[in-house]
Amino acid sequence: MVKLRLLVAVFVGTLFYTLISVAGGRDGLWATSQMQEQKQTLSAHTAKIEKTNGELSLEKIALEKDLDVIASYAKKLGYVSEGEKLVKLSGLAAREVHIFDPGTVERHHEVSYIPEWICKFISFLVVVLVYLVLFLLDVQSGNVRLPSRRKRIKSVGGIQVYDIQQI
């Protein structure tokens, strides 16, 4: 375990980095779900505009080619053809004119995601923490011994000699 300590810590850190990136990274699941929501909104908006466009196209073709439609619009404007008598009735509700809604502008919104540097920083912290845990487990099991801080005393022929560093 002593030799694999660093390798295991790096493996766990890399695994953690991969999981964070897949879940919340720039191309992760969170960003993808936000893009799908935007796609659905834009698709619904596009379908509504296409429906309005179809209705207006039919009305335009009818105004260009159908004489009955042209005559009805002319009568609304007060034109009377030869041989017709105009009778105005008061008290009837006026026919309401359909006004087409052109819609509103839908723009792309930036998606939220976890930046790459945060993913790397968190994975680096995981590597350090896993390494420390494995190191402490090795120290506790006795595989690694830490040097003691006591001054080493050497004895030469019954005389104690202290190690002193020279400057």
N, C-alpha and C. Protein backbone atom coordinates (compact mmCIF):
# COMPACT_ATOMS: atom_id res chain seq x y z
N MET A 1 0.82 -1.19 0.00
CA MET A 1 0.00 0.00 0.00
C MET A 1 0.86 1.26 0.00
N VAL A 2 2.06 1.12 0.54
CA VAL A 2 2.95 2.27 0.61
C VAL A 2 3.29 2.77 -0.79
N LYS A 3 3.54 1.85 -1.71
CA LYS A 3 3.94 2.23 -3.06
C LYS A 3 2.76 2.70 -3.91
N LEU A 4 1.58 2.24 -3.60
CA LEU A 4 0.41 2.58 -4.40
C LEU A 4 -0.35 3.79 -3.86
N ARG A 5 0.10 4.35 -2.77
CA ARG A 5 -0.61 5.45 -2.12
C ARG A 5 -0.85 6.63 -3.07
N LEU A 6 0.19 7.10 -3.74
CA LEU A 6 0.06 8.21 -4.66
C LEU A 6 -0.79 7.84 -5.86
N LEU A 7 -0.59 6.64 -6.37
CA LEU A 7 -1.35 6.19 -7.53
C LEU A 7 -2.85 6.10 -7.22
N VAL A 8 -3.20 5.59 -6.06
CA VAL A 8 -4.61 5.50 -5.66
C VAL A 8 -5.19 6.90 -5.48
N ALA A 9 -4.44 7.80 -4.86
CA ALA A 9 -4.93 9.16 -4.65
C ALA A 9 -5.17 9.87 -5.98
N VAL A 10 -4.26 9.71 -6.93
CA VAL A 10 -4.43 10.34 -8.25
C VAL A 10 -5.61 9.71 -8.98
N PHE A 11 -5.78 8.41 -8.86
CA PHE A 11 -6.92 7.74 -9.49
C PHE A 11 -8.24 8.26 -8.95
N VAL A 12 -8.35 8.38 -7.63
CA VAL A 12 -9.58 8.87 -7.01
C VAL A 12 -9.83 10.33 -7.42
N GLY A 13 -8.78 11.14 -7.47
CA GLY A 13 -8.91 12.54 -7.89
C GLY A 13 -9.37 12.64 -9.34
N THR A 14 -8.80 11.80 -10.20
CA THR A 14 -9.20 11.81 -11.61
C THR A 14 -10.64 11.36 -11.76
N LEU A 15 -11.03 10.35 -11.01
CA LEU A 15 -12.42 9.89 -11.04
C LEU A 15 -13.37 10.98 -10.57
N PHE A 16 -13.00 11.67 -9.52
CA PHE A 16 -13.82 12.75 -9.00
C PHE A 16 -13.93 13.89 -10.01
N TYR A 17 -12.81 14.23 -10.66
CA TYR A 17 -12.81 15.27 -11.71
C TYR A 17 -13.73 14.88 -12.85
N THR A 18 -13.67 13.64 -13.27
CA THR A 18 -14.51 13.17 -14.36
C THR A 18 -15.99 13.26 -13.98
N LEU A 19 -16.33 12.84 -12.78
CA LEU A 19 -17.72 12.89 -12.34
C LEU A 19 -18.24 14.33 -12.27
N ILE A 20 -17.42 15.23 -11.75
CA ILE A 20 -17.84 16.64 -11.68
C ILE A 20 -18.01 17.20 -13.08
N SER A 21 -17.09 16.91 -13.99
CA SER A 21 -17.17 17.43 -15.35
C SER A 21 -18.38 16.89 -16.09
N VAL A 22 -18.67 15.61 -15.91
CA VAL A 22 -19.82 15.01 -16.60
C VAL A 22 -21.12 15.57 -16.04
N ALA A 23 -21.17 15.80 -14.75
CA ALA A 23 -22.41 16.29 -14.13
C ALA A 23 -22.62 17.78 -14.37
N GLY A 24 -21.59 18.59 -14.13
CA GLY A 24 -21.81 20.03 -14.16
C GLY A 24 -20.86 20.83 -15.01
N GLY A 25 -20.05 20.18 -15.83
CA GLY A 25 -19.08 20.89 -16.66
C GLY A 25 -19.73 21.62 -17.82
N ARG A 26 -18.89 22.20 -18.66
CA ARG A 26 -19.37 22.99 -19.80
C ARG A 26 -20.25 22.17 -20.75
N ASP A 27 -19.91 20.93 -20.98
CA ASP A 27 -20.70 20.04 -21.83
C ASP A 27 -21.38 18.95 -21.02
N GLY A 28 -21.58 19.20 -19.74
CA GLY A 28 -22.13 18.20 -18.84
C GLY A 28 -23.64 18.09 -18.91
N LEU A 29 -24.17 17.27 -18.03
CA LEU A 29 -25.61 17.00 -18.01
C LEU A 29 -26.42 18.24 -17.64
N TRP A 30 -25.92 19.03 -16.72
CA TRP A 30 -26.64 20.23 -16.29
C TRP A 30 -26.76 21.23 -17.45
N ALA A 31 -25.67 21.48 -18.16
CA ALA A 31 -25.69 22.41 -19.29
C ALA A 31 -26.54 21.85 -20.43
N THR A 32 -26.49 20.54 -20.64
CA THR A 32 -27.28 19.93 -21.70
C THR A 32 -28.77 20.06 -21.42
N SER A 33 -29.17 19.88 -20.17
CA SER A 33 -30.59 20.02 -19.83
C SER A 33 -31.06 21.47 -20.02
N GLN A 34 -30.21 22.43 -19.71
CA GLN A 34 -30.57 23.84 -19.94
C GLN A 34 -30.73 24.12 -21.43
N MET A 35 -29.83 23.56 -22.23
CA MET A 35 -29.93 23.74 -23.69
C MET A 35 -31.19 23.08 -24.25
N GLN A 36 -31.58 21.93 -23.71
CA GLN A 36 -32.80 21.25 -24.16
C GLN A 36 -34.03 22.11 -23.84
N GLU A 37 -34.06 22.72 -22.66
CA GLU A 37 -35.17 23.60 -22.31
C GLU A 37 -35.26 24.78 -23.27
N GLN A 38 -34.12 25.38 -23.60
CA GLN A 38 -34.11 26.49 -24.55
C GLN A 38 -34.57 26.02 -25.93
N LYS A 39 -34.17 24.84 -26.32
CA LYS A 39 -34.56 24.31 -27.61
C LYS A 39 -36.07 24.12 -27.68
N GLN A 40 -36.67 23.59 -26.61
CA GLN A 40 -38.11 23.40 -26.58
C GLN A 40 -38.85 24.74 -26.64
N THR A 41 -38.36 25.73 -25.91
CA THR A 41 -38.98 27.06 -25.92
C THR A 41 -38.90 27.67 -27.31
N LEU A 42 -37.73 27.60 -27.93
CA LEU A 42 -37.56 28.17 -29.27
C LEU A 42 -38.38 27.41 -30.31
N SER A 43 -38.50 26.10 -30.16
CA SER A 43 -39.30 25.31 -31.09
C SER A 43 -40.78 25.68 -30.99
N ALA A 44 -41.27 25.87 -29.77
CA ALA A 44 -42.67 26.27 -29.59
C ALA A 44 -42.91 27.66 -30.18
N HIS A 45 -41.95 28.55 -29.95
CA HIS A 45 -42.06 29.91 -30.49
C HIS A 45 -42.03 29.88 -32.02
N THR A 46 -41.17 29.06 -32.58
CA THR A 46 -41.07 28.95 -34.04
C THR A 46 -42.36 28.37 -34.62
N ALA A 47 -42.94 27.38 -33.96
CA ALA A 47 -44.19 26.79 -34.45
C ALA A 47 -45.31 27.82 -34.45
N LYS A 48 -45.37 28.66 -33.43
CA LYS A 48 -46.40 29.69 -33.36
C LYS A 48 -46.23 30.70 -34.49
N ILE A 49 -44.99 31.10 -34.75
CA ILE A 49 -44.73 32.06 -35.84
C ILE A 49 -45.05 31.42 -37.19
N GLU A 50 -44.71 30.15 -37.38
CA GLU A 50 -45.03 29.47 -38.64
C GLU A 50 -46.53 29.35 -38.85
N LYS A 51 -47.29 29.12 -37.78
CA LYS A 51 -48.74 29.05 -37.89
C LYS A 51 -49.31 30.41 -38.32
N THR A 52 -48.84 31.48 -37.69
CA THR A 52 -49.27 32.83 -38.08
C THR A 52 -48.90 33.12 -39.52
N ASN A 53 -47.71 32.71 -39.92
CA ASN A 53 -47.27 32.93 -41.29
C ASN A 53 -48.18 32.17 -42.28
N GLY A 54 -48.56 30.96 -41.93
CA GLY A 54 -49.45 30.19 -42.80
C GLY A 54 -50.81 30.85 -42.95
N GLU A 55 -51.36 31.35 -41.83
CA GLU A 55 -52.66 32.03 -41.89
C GLU A 55 -52.58 33.28 -42.74
N LEU A 56 -51.52 34.06 -42.58
CA LEU A 56 -51.35 35.28 -43.37
C LEU A 56 -51.13 34.97 -44.84
N SER A 57 -50.43 33.91 -45.14
CA SER A 57 -50.21 33.52 -46.54
C SER A 57 -51.52 33.13 -47.21
N LEU A 58 -52.36 32.37 -46.48
CA LEU A 58 -53.67 32.00 -47.03
C LEU A 58 -54.54 33.24 -47.26
N GLU A 59 -54.50 34.16 -46.31
CA GLU A 59 -55.28 35.39 -46.47
C GLU A 59 -54.78 36.21 -47.65
N LYS A 60 -53.48 36.26 -47.84
CA LYS A 60 -52.92 37.01 -48.98
C LYS A 60 -53.34 36.39 -50.30
N ILE A 61 -53.27 35.06 -50.39
CA ILE A 61 -53.68 34.37 -51.63
C ILE A 61 -55.16 34.60 -51.89
N ALA A 62 -55.98 34.56 -50.82
CA ALA A 62 -57.42 34.79 -50.98
C ALA A 62 -57.69 36.21 -51.46
N LEU A 63 -56.95 37.18 -50.94
CA LEU A 63 -57.14 38.57 -51.37
C LEU A 63 -56.68 38.78 -52.82
N GLU A 64 -55.72 38.01 -53.27
CA GLU A 64 -55.23 38.16 -54.63
C GLU A 64 -56.13 37.47 -55.66
N LYS A 65 -56.77 36.34 -55.29
CA LYS A 65 -57.42 35.52 -56.31
C LYS A 65 -58.92 35.31 -56.11
N ASP A 66 -59.43 35.37 -54.91
CA ASP A 66 -60.84 35.07 -54.66
C ASP A 66 -61.66 36.35 -54.73
N LEU A 67 -62.58 36.42 -55.69
CA LEU A 67 -63.37 37.63 -55.89
C LEU A 67 -64.36 37.86 -54.74
N ASP A 68 -64.88 36.82 -54.16
CA ASP A 68 -65.82 36.98 -53.05
C ASP A 68 -65.13 37.62 -51.83
N VAL A 69 -63.92 37.21 -51.56
CA VAL A 69 -63.17 37.79 -50.43
C VAL A 69 -62.87 39.26 -50.70
N ILE A 70 -62.51 39.55 -51.94
CA ILE A 70 -62.22 40.94 -52.32
C ILE A 70 -63.48 41.78 -52.16
N ALA A 71 -64.62 41.24 -52.59
CA ALA A 71 -65.89 41.97 -52.48
C ALA A 71 -66.27 42.21 -51.02
N SER A 72 -66.04 41.21 -50.17
CA SER A 72 -66.39 41.40 -48.75
C SER A 72 -65.52 42.46 -48.10
N TYR A 73 -64.24 42.49 -48.43
CA TYR A 73 -63.37 43.53 -47.88
C TYR A 73 -63.76 44.91 -48.42
N ALA A 74 -64.17 44.97 -49.67
CA ALA A 74 -64.59 46.25 -50.25
C ALA A 74 -65.86 46.75 -49.57
N LYS A 75 -66.77 45.84 -49.24
CA LYS A 75 -68.01 46.24 -48.56
C LYS A 75 -67.69 46.74 -47.15
N LYS A 76 -66.71 46.15 -46.50
CA LYS A 76 -66.32 46.64 -45.18
C LYS A 76 -65.83 48.08 -45.26
N LEU A 77 -65.19 48.39 -46.36
CA LEU A 77 -64.65 49.73 -46.54
C LEU A 77 -65.70 50.71 -47.05
N GLY A 78 -66.91 50.21 -47.37
CA GLY A 78 -68.00 51.10 -47.79
C GLY A 78 -68.23 51.15 -49.28
N TYR A 79 -67.56 50.32 -50.06
CA TYR A 79 -67.78 50.30 -51.50
C TYR A 79 -69.02 49.47 -51.82
N VAL A 80 -69.79 49.94 -52.81
CA VAL A 80 -71.00 49.23 -53.23
C VAL A 80 -70.89 49.04 -54.74
N SER A 81 -71.15 47.82 -55.18
CA SER A 81 -71.09 47.58 -56.62
C SER A 81 -72.40 47.99 -57.27
N GLU A 82 -72.42 48.01 -58.58
CA GLU A 82 -73.61 48.45 -59.32
C GLU A 82 -74.76 47.47 -59.07
N GLY A 83 -75.90 47.99 -58.84
CA GLY A 83 -77.08 47.18 -58.63
C GLY A 83 -77.26 46.75 -57.19
N GLU A 84 -76.38 47.10 -56.31
CA GLU A 84 -76.51 46.75 -54.90
C GLU A 84 -77.10 47.93 -54.14
N LYS A 85 -77.85 47.61 -53.11
CA LYS A 85 -78.40 48.64 -52.24
C LYS A 85 -77.71 48.51 -50.88
N LEU A 86 -77.34 49.61 -50.35
CA LEU A 86 -76.64 49.64 -49.08
C LEU A 86 -77.63 49.90 -47.96
N VAL A 87 -77.67 49.01 -46.99
CA VAL A 87 -78.53 49.17 -45.82
C VAL A 87 -77.61 49.14 -44.59
N LYS A 88 -77.66 50.20 -43.83
CA LYS A 88 -76.85 50.27 -42.62
C LYS A 88 -77.74 50.01 -41.44
N LEU A 89 -77.34 49.07 -40.61
CA LEU A 89 -78.09 48.73 -39.41
C LEU A 89 -77.31 49.23 -38.21
N SER A 90 -77.99 49.88 -37.35
CA SER A 90 -77.32 50.35 -36.14
C SER A 90 -77.67 49.42 -34.99
N GLY A 91 -76.79 49.34 -34.03
CA GLY A 91 -77.02 48.51 -32.87
C GLY A 91 -76.39 47.13 -32.95
N LEU A 92 -75.91 46.74 -34.10
CA LEU A 92 -75.24 45.44 -34.23
C LEU A 92 -73.76 45.61 -33.87
N ALA A 93 -73.25 44.59 -33.26
CA ALA A 93 -71.83 44.63 -32.88
C ALA A 93 -70.97 44.61 -34.14
N ALA A 94 -69.97 45.43 -34.11
CA ALA A 94 -69.06 45.48 -35.25
C ALA A 94 -68.23 44.21 -35.28
N ARG A 95 -67.98 43.73 -36.49
CA ARG A 95 -67.16 42.53 -36.63
C ARG A 95 -65.73 42.88 -36.23
N GLU A 96 -65.20 42.08 -35.34
CA GLU A 96 -63.86 42.43 -34.88
C GLU A 96 -62.82 41.95 -35.89
N VAL A 97 -61.82 42.76 -36.01
CA VAL A 97 -60.74 42.48 -36.95
C VAL A 97 -59.65 41.71 -36.21
N HIS A 98 -59.20 40.64 -36.82
CA HIS A 98 -58.15 39.82 -36.20
C HIS A 98 -56.80 40.47 -36.45
N ILE A 99 -56.13 40.80 -35.36
CA ILE A 99 -54.79 41.38 -35.46
C ILE A 99 -53.80 40.28 -35.12
N PHE A 100 -52.89 40.03 -36.01
CA PHE A 100 -51.91 38.96 -35.82
C PHE A 100 -50.76 39.46 -34.95
N ASP A 101 -50.40 38.64 -34.00
CA ASP A 101 -49.29 38.97 -33.10
C ASP A 101 -47.99 38.49 -33.74
N PRO A 102 -47.10 39.40 -34.03
CA PRO A 102 -45.84 38.98 -34.65
C PRO A 102 -44.92 38.25 -33.69
N GLY A 103 -45.24 38.26 -32.41
CA GLY A 103 -44.40 37.56 -31.43
C GLY A 103 -43.33 38.48 -30.86
N THR A 104 -42.56 37.92 -30.00
CA THR A 104 -41.46 38.66 -29.39
C THR A 104 -40.14 37.98 -29.77
N VAL A 105 -39.10 38.71 -29.66
CA VAL A 105 -37.79 38.19 -30.01
C VAL A 105 -37.33 37.25 -28.89
N GLU A 106 -36.97 36.05 -29.26
CA GLU A 106 -36.42 35.09 -28.31
C GLU A 106 -34.92 34.96 -28.59
N ARG A 107 -34.13 35.22 -27.60
CA ARG A 107 -32.68 35.15 -27.77
C ARG A 107 -32.12 33.97 -26.99
N HIS A 108 -30.97 33.55 -27.44
CA HIS A 108 -30.24 32.47 -26.76
C HIS A 108 -29.73 32.98 -25.42
N HIS A 109 -29.90 32.18 -24.37
CA HIS A 109 -29.39 32.54 -23.06
C HIS A 109 -28.17 31.67 -22.76
N GLU A 110 -27.17 32.29 -22.16
CA GLU A 110 -25.99 31.54 -21.78
C GLU A 110 -26.35 30.52 -20.69
N VAL A 111 -25.82 29.33 -20.82
CA VAL A 111 -26.10 28.29 -19.84
C VAL A 111 -25.15 28.42 -18.66
N SER A 112 -25.60 27.94 -17.52
CA SER A 112 -24.76 27.94 -16.32
C SER A 112 -24.05 26.59 -16.23
N TYR A 113 -22.81 26.62 -15.81
CA TYR A 113 -22.03 25.39 -15.65
C TYR A 113 -20.93 25.65 -14.64
N ILE A 114 -20.32 24.57 -14.20
CA ILE A 114 -19.19 24.68 -13.27
C ILE A 114 -17.93 24.92 -14.10
N PRO A 115 -17.21 26.02 -13.84
CA PRO A 115 -16.00 26.29 -14.63
C PRO A 115 -14.95 25.19 -14.46
N GLU A 116 -14.13 25.09 -15.46
CA GLU A 116 -13.10 24.03 -15.49
C GLU A 116 -12.11 24.16 -14.34
N TRP A 117 -11.75 25.39 -13.99
CA TRP A 117 -10.76 25.56 -12.93
C TRP A 117 -11.31 25.10 -11.59
N ILE A 118 -12.62 25.24 -11.38
CA ILE A 118 -13.20 24.76 -10.12
C ILE A 118 -13.18 23.24 -10.08
N CYS A 119 -13.49 22.60 -11.21
CA CYS A 119 -13.44 21.13 -11.28
C CYS A 119 -12.03 20.63 -10.97
N LYS A 120 -11.02 21.28 -11.55
CA LYS A 120 -9.64 20.87 -11.32
C LYS A 120 -9.21 21.13 -9.88
N PHE A 121 -9.62 22.27 -9.33
CA PHE A 121 -9.26 22.59 -7.95
C PHE A 121 -9.86 21.59 -6.98
N ILE A 122 -11.13 21.25 -7.17
CA ILE A 122 -11.78 20.28 -6.28
C ILE A 122 -11.12 18.91 -6.41
N SER A 123 -10.80 18.51 -7.63
CA SER A 123 -10.16 17.20 -7.79
C SER A 123 -8.76 17.19 -7.18
N PHE A 124 -8.03 18.32 -7.25
CA PHE A 124 -6.72 18.40 -6.61
C PHE A 124 -6.85 18.28 -5.10
N LEU A 125 -7.86 18.94 -4.52
CA LEU A 125 -8.11 18.81 -3.08
C LEU A 125 -8.43 17.37 -2.71
N VAL A 126 -9.19 16.68 -3.55
CA VAL A 126 -9.52 15.29 -3.29
C VAL A 126 -8.25 14.44 -3.31
N VAL A 127 -7.36 14.70 -4.27
CA VAL A 127 -6.10 13.95 -4.34
C VAL A 127 -5.30 14.15 -3.06
N VAL A 128 -5.19 15.39 -2.61
CA VAL A 128 -4.42 15.68 -1.40
C VAL A 128 -5.07 15.01 -0.18
N LEU A 129 -6.38 15.11 -0.05
CA LEU A 129 -7.06 14.51 1.10
C LEU A 129 -6.95 12.99 1.10
N VAL A 130 -7.13 12.37 -0.05
CA VAL A 130 -7.01 10.90 -0.12
C VAL A 130 -5.58 10.47 0.19
N TYR A 131 -4.62 11.22 -0.34
CA TYR A 131 -3.22 10.88 -0.04
C TYR A 131 -2.94 10.99 1.46
N LEU A 132 -3.42 12.07 2.08
CA LEU A 132 -3.22 12.22 3.52
C LEU A 132 -3.90 11.11 4.31
N VAL A 133 -5.09 10.73 3.93
CA VAL A 133 -5.79 9.65 4.64
C VAL A 133 -5.01 8.35 4.49
N LEU A 134 -4.56 8.04 3.29
CA LEU A 134 -3.80 6.82 3.08
C LEU A 134 -2.46 6.86 3.83
N PHE A 135 -1.84 8.03 3.85
CA PHE A 135 -0.58 8.17 4.59
C PHE A 135 -0.80 7.95 6.08
N LEU A 136 -1.86 8.54 6.62
CA LEU A 136 -2.14 8.36 8.05
C LEU A 136 -2.51 6.92 8.37
N LEU A 137 -3.19 6.23 7.45
CA LEU A 137 -3.48 4.81 7.66
C LEU A 137 -2.19 3.99 7.68
N ASP A 138 -1.24 4.34 6.81
CA ASP A 138 0.05 3.64 6.80
C ASP A 138 0.83 3.93 8.08
N VAL A 139 0.76 5.16 8.57
CA VAL A 139 1.45 5.50 9.81
C VAL A 139 0.82 4.73 10.97
N GLN A 140 -0.49 4.66 10.99
CA GLN A 140 -1.19 3.96 12.08
C GLN A 140 -0.91 2.46 12.05
N SER A 141 -0.82 1.88 10.85
CA SER A 141 -0.57 0.44 10.76
C SER A 141 0.91 0.11 10.97
N GLY A 142 1.78 1.10 10.95
CA GLY A 142 3.19 0.87 11.21
C GLY A 142 4.03 0.68 9.95
N ASN A 143 3.45 0.86 8.80
CA ASN A 143 4.22 0.72 7.55
C ASN A 143 5.17 1.89 7.33
N VAL A 144 4.84 3.03 7.91
CA VAL A 144 5.68 4.22 7.78
C VAL A 144 5.96 4.72 9.19
N ARG A 145 7.23 5.03 9.44
CA ARG A 145 7.60 5.57 10.75
C ARG A 145 8.12 6.98 10.57
N LEU A 146 7.58 7.86 11.36
CA LEU A 146 8.02 9.25 11.32
C LEU A 146 9.25 9.42 12.20
N PRO A 147 10.20 10.26 11.78
CA PRO A 147 11.39 10.47 12.62
C PRO A 147 11.00 11.23 13.89
N SER A 148 11.64 10.85 14.98
CA SER A 148 11.35 11.53 16.24
C SER A 148 12.12 12.84 16.29
N ARG A 149 11.65 13.74 17.12
CA ARG A 149 12.27 15.06 17.20
C ARG A 149 13.29 15.15 18.33
N ARG A 150 13.52 14.07 19.03
CA ARG A 150 14.50 14.09 20.12
C ARG A 150 15.92 14.21 19.57
N LYS A 151 16.75 14.90 20.32
CA LYS A 151 18.15 14.99 19.91
C LYS A 151 18.81 13.65 20.15
N ARG A 152 19.57 13.27 19.21
CA ARG A 152 20.24 11.98 19.31
C ARG A 152 21.52 12.15 20.13
N ILE A 153 21.67 11.28 21.07
CA ILE A 153 22.83 11.34 21.94
C ILE A 153 23.73 10.15 21.63
N LYS A 154 24.94 10.45 21.33
CA LYS A 154 25.92 9.39 21.06
C LYS A 154 26.86 9.33 22.27
N SER A 155 27.26 8.17 22.57
CA SER A 155 28.23 8.06 23.67
C SER A 155 29.50 7.42 23.13
N VAL A 156 30.58 8.04 23.46
CA VAL A 156 31.88 7.55 23.04
C VAL A 156 32.67 7.28 24.31
N GLY A 157 32.88 6.04 24.57
CA GLY A 157 33.68 5.65 25.74
C GLY A 157 33.14 6.21 27.03
N GLY A 158 31.86 6.20 27.24
CA GLY A 158 31.27 6.64 28.48
C GLY A 158 30.99 8.13 28.51
N ILE A 159 31.42 8.86 27.50
CA ILE A 159 31.17 10.30 27.46
C ILE A 159 30.05 10.55 26.44
N GLN A 160 29.10 11.36 26.85
CA GLN A 160 28.00 11.66 25.94
C GLN A 160 28.42 12.76 24.98
N VAL A 161 28.14 12.53 23.70
CA VAL A 161 28.49 13.47 22.66
C VAL A 161 27.19 13.91 21.99
N TYR A 162 26.98 15.21 21.89
CA TYR A 162 25.77 15.74 21.27
C TYR A 162 26.09 16.15 19.83
N ASP A 163 25.13 15.84 18.96
CA ASP A 163 25.28 16.30 17.57
C ASP A 163 24.89 17.77 17.50
N ILE A 164 25.82 18.60 17.10
CA ILE A 164 25.56 20.02 16.95
C ILE A 164 25.96 20.39 15.53
N GLN A 165 25.03 21.11 14.89
CA GLN A 165 25.35 21.51 13.53
C GLN A 165 26.32 22.69 13.57
N GLN A 166 27.24 22.65 12.65
CA GLN A 166 28.21 23.73 12.58
C GLN A 166 27.81 24.69 11.47
N ILE A 167 28.04 25.90 11.72
CA ILE A 167 27.67 26.93 10.76
C ILE A 167 28.82 27.29 9.89
